[in-house]
Protein backbone atom coordinates (compact mmCIF):
# COMPACT_ATOMS: atom_id res chain seq x y z
CA UNK A 1 0.16 0.13 0.05
CA UNK A 2 1.48 3.39 -0.76
CA UNK A 3 0.10 6.39 0.99
CA UNK A 4 0.41 10.09 -1.31
CA UNK A 5 1.21 13.30 0.47
CA UNK A 6 -2.11 14.01 0.66
CA UNK A 7 -3.56 11.29 2.41
CA UNK A 8 -0.64 11.53 4.59
CA UNK A 9 -1.20 14.98 5.31
CA UNK A 10 -5.08 13.98 5.82
CA UNK A 11 -4.30 11.63 8.30
CA UNK A 12 -2.33 13.71 10.41
CA UNK A 13 -5.07 16.64 10.74
CA UNK A 14 -7.45 13.79 12.08
CA UNK A 15 -7.52 13.19 16.52
CA UNK A 16 -6.00 10.54 17.45
CA UNK A 17 -8.92 7.90 17.17
CA UNK A 18 -9.99 8.26 13.58
CA UNK A 19 -6.50 8.50 12.80
CA UNK A 20 -5.78 5.28 14.56
CA UNK A 21 -8.36 3.34 12.43
CA UNK A 22 -7.98 5.10 9.05
CA UNK A 23 -4.13 3.30 9.75
CA UNK A 24 -5.79 0.50 10.56
CA UNK A 25 -7.84 -0.20 7.66
CA UNK A 26 -5.04 0.82 5.38
CA UNK A 27 -2.65 -1.77 6.52
CA UNK A 28 -5.84 -4.07 6.27
CA UNK A 29 -6.25 -2.38 2.72
CA UNK A 30 -3.21 -4.44 1.78
CA UNK A 31 -5.11 -7.41 2.67
CA UNK A 32 -8.01 -7.10 0.15
CA UNK A 33 -9.95 -6.36 3.63
CA UNK A 34 -12.45 -3.53 3.93
CA UNK A 35 -15.63 -1.89 3.29
CA UNK A 36 -14.40 -1.58 -0.47
CA UNK A 37 -16.36 -0.80 -3.41
CA UNK A 38 -14.94 0.02 -7.17
CA UNK A 39 -16.34 3.94 -8.08
CA UNK A 40 -18.31 5.16 -11.29
CA UNK A 41 -18.72 7.32 -13.96
CA UNK A 42 -15.72 9.52 -14.10
CA UNK A 43 -14.57 7.98 -11.36
CA UNK A 44 -14.47 4.24 -12.54
CA UNK A 45 -10.62 2.96 -11.84
CA UNK A 46 -10.70 3.90 -8.69
CA UNK A 47 -12.06 2.85 -5.53
CA UNK A 48 -13.00 3.62 -2.37
CA UNK A 49 -12.17 2.58 1.47
CA UNK A 50 -14.94 3.64 3.91
CA UNK A 51 -13.54 4.03 7.41
CA UNK A 52 -16.32 5.38 9.64
CA UNK A 53 -17.24 9.09 7.79
CA UNK A 54 -14.18 8.88 6.29
CA UNK A 55 -13.32 8.12 2.65
CA UNK A 56 -9.92 7.22 1.19
CA UNK A 57 -10.03 6.85 -2.82
CA UNK A 58 -7.38 4.36 -4.34
CA UNK A 59 -6.28 2.37 -7.28
CA UNK A 60 -4.50 -1.02 -7.92
CA UNK A 61 -1.52 0.24 -9.41
CA UNK A 62 -0.26 -3.73 -9.45
CA UNK A 63 -1.14 -6.94 -8.89
CA UNK A 64 0.34 -6.12 -5.45
CA UNK A 65 0.12 -2.44 -5.19
CA UNK A 66 -2.77 -0.45 -3.84
CA UNK A 67 -2.45 2.84 -3.96
CA UNK A 68 -3.97 5.66 -2.46
CA UNK A 69 -4.36 8.96 -3.79
CA UNK A 70 -6.99 10.54 -1.91
CA UNK A 71 -9.17 10.89 1.40
CA UNK A 72 -11.13 13.15 2.99
CA UNK A 73 -14.54 13.32 4.48
CA UNK A 74 -17.89 11.87 3.18
CA UNK A 75 -19.20 14.64 2.06
CA UNK A 76 -16.88 16.36 0.21
CA UNK A 77 -14.09 13.19 -1.04
CA UNK A 78 -15.69 12.56 -4.49
CA UNK A 79 -16.68 16.09 -5.55
CA UNK A 80 -13.49 17.06 -4.60
CA UNK A 81 -11.79 13.98 -6.25
CA UNK A 82 -13.25 14.33 -9.55
CA UNK A 83 -12.54 18.05 -9.53
CA UNK A 84 -9.05 17.44 -9.19
CA UNK A 85 -9.17 14.72 -11.78
CA UNK A 86 -10.76 17.07 -14.62
CA UNK A 87 -7.59 19.80 -13.45
CA UNK A 88 -4.83 17.37 -14.48
CA UNK A 89 -7.12 16.35 -17.40
CA UNK A 90 -7.13 19.74 -18.66
């Protein structure tokens, strides 16, 4: 599991208990465990990991490699991540 700078910064802003749960979920993600769903439409090709009210957007870079690219609260994660993707494509 590879963690982006954005995900690392997000973890650093969290209170201790949610940070601990999210880190444990990221470790479990390496074993394909957790509440995982593929994303659709403009976010197809990415998946999400749900940990309480937080979401981590990730993709499978190789059969044994998971890239966690974005993390945020559920209420804004998809909208903000989609906007970032559109920016990169322009």
